[in-house]
Amino acid sequence: MGIEQFPEIESFQKLPRRVIVKGGSSRFDPAEGAELRGIVINNTGHTIQEVSVNLVVFDEREMPLFNTSIAPDPAILPQGAIGSFLFRLKNVQSEIKKYYLYPSWKYDDKE
């Protein structure tokens, strides 16, 4: 599902039953490095906790350069909640163009 399909989605019932991660925008500043921001949507049907967004950055030949992870804000997401994340990578000297995002989480057993 591409980001271009999000404006057509009317309700969470039309989204896949999983945690969805989408990178929204990437920018580069020579003094601060590269940034990549995006959203996390919980559509598992349950509250999740210890959410983490994992990023793998590729070079122009699609070989992995490095990976890193960050907790979105908030790190506990009830069903239907949306969190946001921002990767700030000072050691990257160009805009992040080729990357892969994936989530990791645990179900919240308190319910």
C-alpha atoms as a PDB file:
ATOM      1  CA  MET A   1       0.000   0.000   0.000  1.00  0.00           C
ATOM      2  CA  GLY A   2       1.584   3.250  -1.101  1.00  0.00           C
ATOM      3  CA  ILE A   3       1.341   6.550   0.741  1.00  0.00           C
ATOM      4  CA  GLU A   4      -0.681   7.931  -2.167  1.00  0.00           C
ATOM      5  CA  GLN A   5      -3.578   5.639  -1.153  1.00  0.00           C
ATOM      6  CA  PHE A   6      -4.001   7.162   2.311  1.00  0.00           C
ATOM      7  CA  PRO A   7      -6.303  10.063   1.239  1.00  0.00           C
ATOM      8  CA  GLU A   8      -8.770   7.497  -0.201  1.00  0.00           C
ATOM      9  CA  ILE A   9      -9.031   5.480   3.008  1.00  0.00           C
ATOM     10  CA  GLU A  10     -12.228   6.412   4.827  1.00  0.00           C
ATOM     11  CA  SER A  11     -11.860   4.202   7.896  1.00  0.00           C
ATOM     12  CA  PHE A  12      -9.474   1.816   9.615  1.00  0.00           C
ATOM     13  CA  GLN A  13     -11.565  -1.145   8.389  1.00  0.00           C
ATOM     14  CA  LYS A  14     -10.045  -0.670   4.930  1.00  0.00           C
ATOM     15  CA  LEU A  15      -6.450  -0.788   6.232  1.00  0.00           C
ATOM     16  CA  PRO A  16      -4.639  -4.135   6.581  1.00  0.00           C
ATOM     17  CA  ARG A  17      -4.821  -5.662  10.101  1.00  0.00           C
ATOM     18  CA  ARG A  18      -1.220  -4.903  11.060  1.00  0.00           C
ATOM     19  CA  VAL A  19       1.095  -2.140  12.249  1.00  0.00           C
ATOM     20  CA  ILE A  20       1.724   0.176   9.300  1.00  0.00           C
ATOM     21  CA  VAL A  21       4.855   2.340   9.003  1.00  0.00           C
ATOM     22  CA  LYS A  22       5.180   5.035   6.346  1.00  0.00           C
ATOM     23  CA  GLY A  23       8.097   7.377   5.737  1.00  0.00           C
ATOM     24  CA  GLY A  24       6.711  10.797   4.975  1.00  0.00           C
ATOM     25  CA  SER A  25       9.502  13.191   4.154  1.00  0.00           C
ATOM     26  CA  SER A  26      13.259  13.220   3.951  1.00  0.00           C
ATOM     27  CA  ARG A  27      15.534  16.236   3.979  1.00  0.00           C
ATOM     28  CA  PHE A  28      19.227  16.983   4.165  1.00  0.00           C
ATOM     29  CA  ASP A  29      21.107  19.840   5.802  1.00  0.00           C
ATOM     30  CA  PRO A  30      24.936  19.812   5.486  1.00  0.00           C
ATOM     31  CA  ALA A  31      25.325  21.068   9.069  1.00  0.00           C
ATOM     32  CA  GLU A  32      22.816  18.673  10.670  1.00  0.00           C
ATOM     33  CA  GLY A  33      22.838  15.610   8.398  1.00  0.00           C
ATOM     34  CA  ALA A  34      19.811  13.769   7.034  1.00  0.00           C
ATOM     35  CA  GLU A  35      16.310  13.518   8.481  1.00  0.00           C
ATOM     36  CA  LEU A  36      13.501  11.083   7.781  1.00  0.00           C
ATOM     37  CA  ARG A  37      10.083  11.458   9.372  1.00  0.00           C
ATOM     38  CA  GLY A  38       6.894   9.465   9.140  1.00  0.00           C
ATOM     39  CA  ILE A  39       3.974   7.840  10.919  1.00  0.00           C
ATOM     40  CA  VAL A  40       3.059   4.544  12.577  1.00  0.00           C
ATOM     41  CA  ILE A  41      -0.560   3.322  12.567  1.00  0.00           C
ATOM     42  CA  ASN A  42      -1.736   0.541  14.894  1.00  0.00           C
ATOM     43  CA  ASN A  43      -4.458  -1.483  13.164  1.00  0.00           C
ATOM     44  CA  THR A  44      -3.853  -4.830  14.890  1.00  0.00           C
ATOM     45  CA  GLY A  45      -7.077  -4.696  16.887  1.00  0.00           C
ATOM     46  CA  HIS A  46      -5.196  -4.535  20.208  1.00  0.00           C
ATOM     47  CA  THR A  47      -3.113  -2.027  22.141  1.00  0.00           C
ATOM     48  CA  ILE A  48       0.612  -2.408  21.467  1.00  0.00           C
ATOM     49  CA  GLN A  49       3.576  -1.265  23.540  1.00  0.00           C
ATOM     50  CA  GLU A  50       7.355  -0.952  23.225  1.00  0.00           C
ATOM     51  CA  VAL A  51       6.837   0.109  19.620  1.00  0.00           C
ATOM     52  CA  SER A  52       9.994   0.639  17.620  1.00  0.00           C
ATOM     53  CA  VAL A  53      10.493   1.817  14.034  1.00  0.00           C
ATOM     54  CA  ASN A  54      13.488   0.196  12.341  1.00  0.00           C
ATOM     55  CA  LEU A  55      15.253   1.854   9.407  1.00  0.00           C
ATOM     56  CA  VAL A  56      17.604   0.214   6.901  1.00  0.00           C
ATOM     57  CA  VAL A  57      19.370   2.647   4.543  1.00  0.00           C
ATOM     58  CA  PHE A  58      20.661   1.435   1.162  1.00  0.00           C
ATOM     59  CA  ASP A  59      23.315   2.853  -1.166  1.00  0.00           C
ATOM     60  CA  GLU A  60      22.830   3.495  -4.907  1.00  0.00           C
ATOM     61  CA  ARG A  61      23.490  -0.217  -5.631  1.00  0.00           C
ATOM     62  CA  GLU A  62      20.827  -1.200  -3.087  1.00  0.00           C
ATOM     63  CA  MET A  63      23.372  -2.618  -0.652  1.00  0.00           C
ATOM     64  CA  PRO A  64      22.547  -1.972   3.030  1.00  0.00           C
ATOM     65  CA  LEU A  65      24.697   0.785   4.516  1.00  0.00           C
ATOM     66  CA  PHE A  66      23.417   0.649   8.092  1.00  0.00           C
ATOM     67  CA  ASN A  67      20.353   0.168  10.218  1.00  0.00           C
ATOM     68  CA  THR A  68      18.991   1.972  13.259  1.00  0.00           C
ATOM     69  CA  SER A  69      15.775   2.169  15.249  1.00  0.00           C
ATOM     70  CA  ILE A  70      13.782   4.703  17.229  1.00  0.00           C
ATOM     71  CA  ALA A  71      10.657   4.723  19.392  1.00  0.00           C
ATOM     72  CA  PRO A  72       7.775   6.729  17.939  1.00  0.00           C
ATOM     73  CA  ASP A  73       5.845   9.297  19.941  1.00  0.00           C
ATOM     74  CA  PRO A  74       3.903   7.795  21.709  1.00  0.00           C
ATOM     75  CA  ALA A  75       5.513   4.371  22.216  1.00  0.00           C
ATOM     76  CA  ILE A  76       2.219   2.808  23.388  1.00  0.00           C
ATOM     77  CA  LEU A  77      -0.470   2.802  20.704  1.00  0.00           C
ATOM     78  CA  PRO A  78      -4.092   1.771  21.276  1.00  0.00           C
ATOM     79  CA  GLN A  79      -6.020   0.313  18.329  1.00  0.00           C
ATOM     80  CA  GLY A  80      -6.401   3.014  15.672  1.00  0.00           C
ATOM     81  CA  ALA A  81      -3.779   5.324  17.185  1.00  0.00           C
ATOM     82  CA  ILE A  82      -1.156   7.084  15.099  1.00  0.00           C
ATOM     83  CA  GLY A  83       2.353   7.831  16.305  1.00  0.00           C
ATOM     84  CA  SER A  84       5.077   9.858  14.615  1.00  0.00           C
ATOM     85  CA  PHE A  85       8.822   9.395  14.346  1.00  0.00           C
ATOM     86  CA  LEU A  86      11.841  11.411  13.280  1.00  0.00           C
ATOM     87  CA  PHE A  87      15.237   9.929  12.468  1.00  0.00           C
ATOM     88  CA  ARG A  88      18.102  12.459  12.670  1.00  0.00           C
ATOM     89  CA  LEU A  89      21.232  10.953  11.156  1.00  0.00           C
ATOM     90  CA  LYS A  90      24.276  13.207  11.482  1.00  0.00           C
ATOM     91  CA  ASN A  91      26.627  10.700   9.818  1.00  0.00           C
ATOM     92  CA  VAL A  92      24.595  10.533   6.576  1.00  0.00           C
ATOM     93  CA  GLN A  93      25.869  13.085   4.042  1.00  0.00           C
ATOM     94  CA  SER A  94      22.980  13.050   1.565  1.00  0.00           C
ATOM     95  CA  GLU A  95      19.192  12.855   1.491  1.00  0.00           C
ATOM     96  CA  ILE A  96      17.833   9.402   2.373  1.00  0.00           C
ATOM     97  CA  LYS A  97      16.254   8.085  -0.819  1.00  0.00           C
ATOM     98  CA  LYS A  98      16.531   4.291  -0.685  1.00  0.00           C
ATOM     99  CA  TYR A  99      15.387   2.842   2.612  1.00  0.00           C
ATOM    100  CA  TYR A 100      13.199   0.213   4.221  1.00  0.00           C
ATOM    101  CA  LEU A 101      11.063   0.775   7.336  1.00  0.00           C
ATOM    102  CA  TYR A 102       9.558  -1.936   9.512  1.00  0.00           C
ATOM    103  CA  PRO A 103       7.964  -1.964  12.982  1.00  0.00           C
ATOM    104  CA  SER A 104       8.529  -4.108  16.046  1.00  0.00           C
ATOM    105  CA  TRP A 105       6.262  -4.167  19.099  1.00  0.00           C
ATOM    106  CA  LYS A 106       4.729  -6.236  21.892  1.00  0.00           C
ATOM    107  CA  TYR A 107       1.041  -6.682  22.622  1.00  0.00           C
ATOM    108  CA  ASP A 108      -0.160  -4.924  25.771  1.00  0.00           C
ATOM    109  CA  ASP A 109      -1.387  -7.765  28.038  1.00  0.00           C
ATOM    110  CA  LYS A 110      -3.120  -5.414  30.504  1.00  0.00           C
ATOM    111  CA  GLU A 111      -6.434  -5.422  28.626  1.00  0.00           C
END
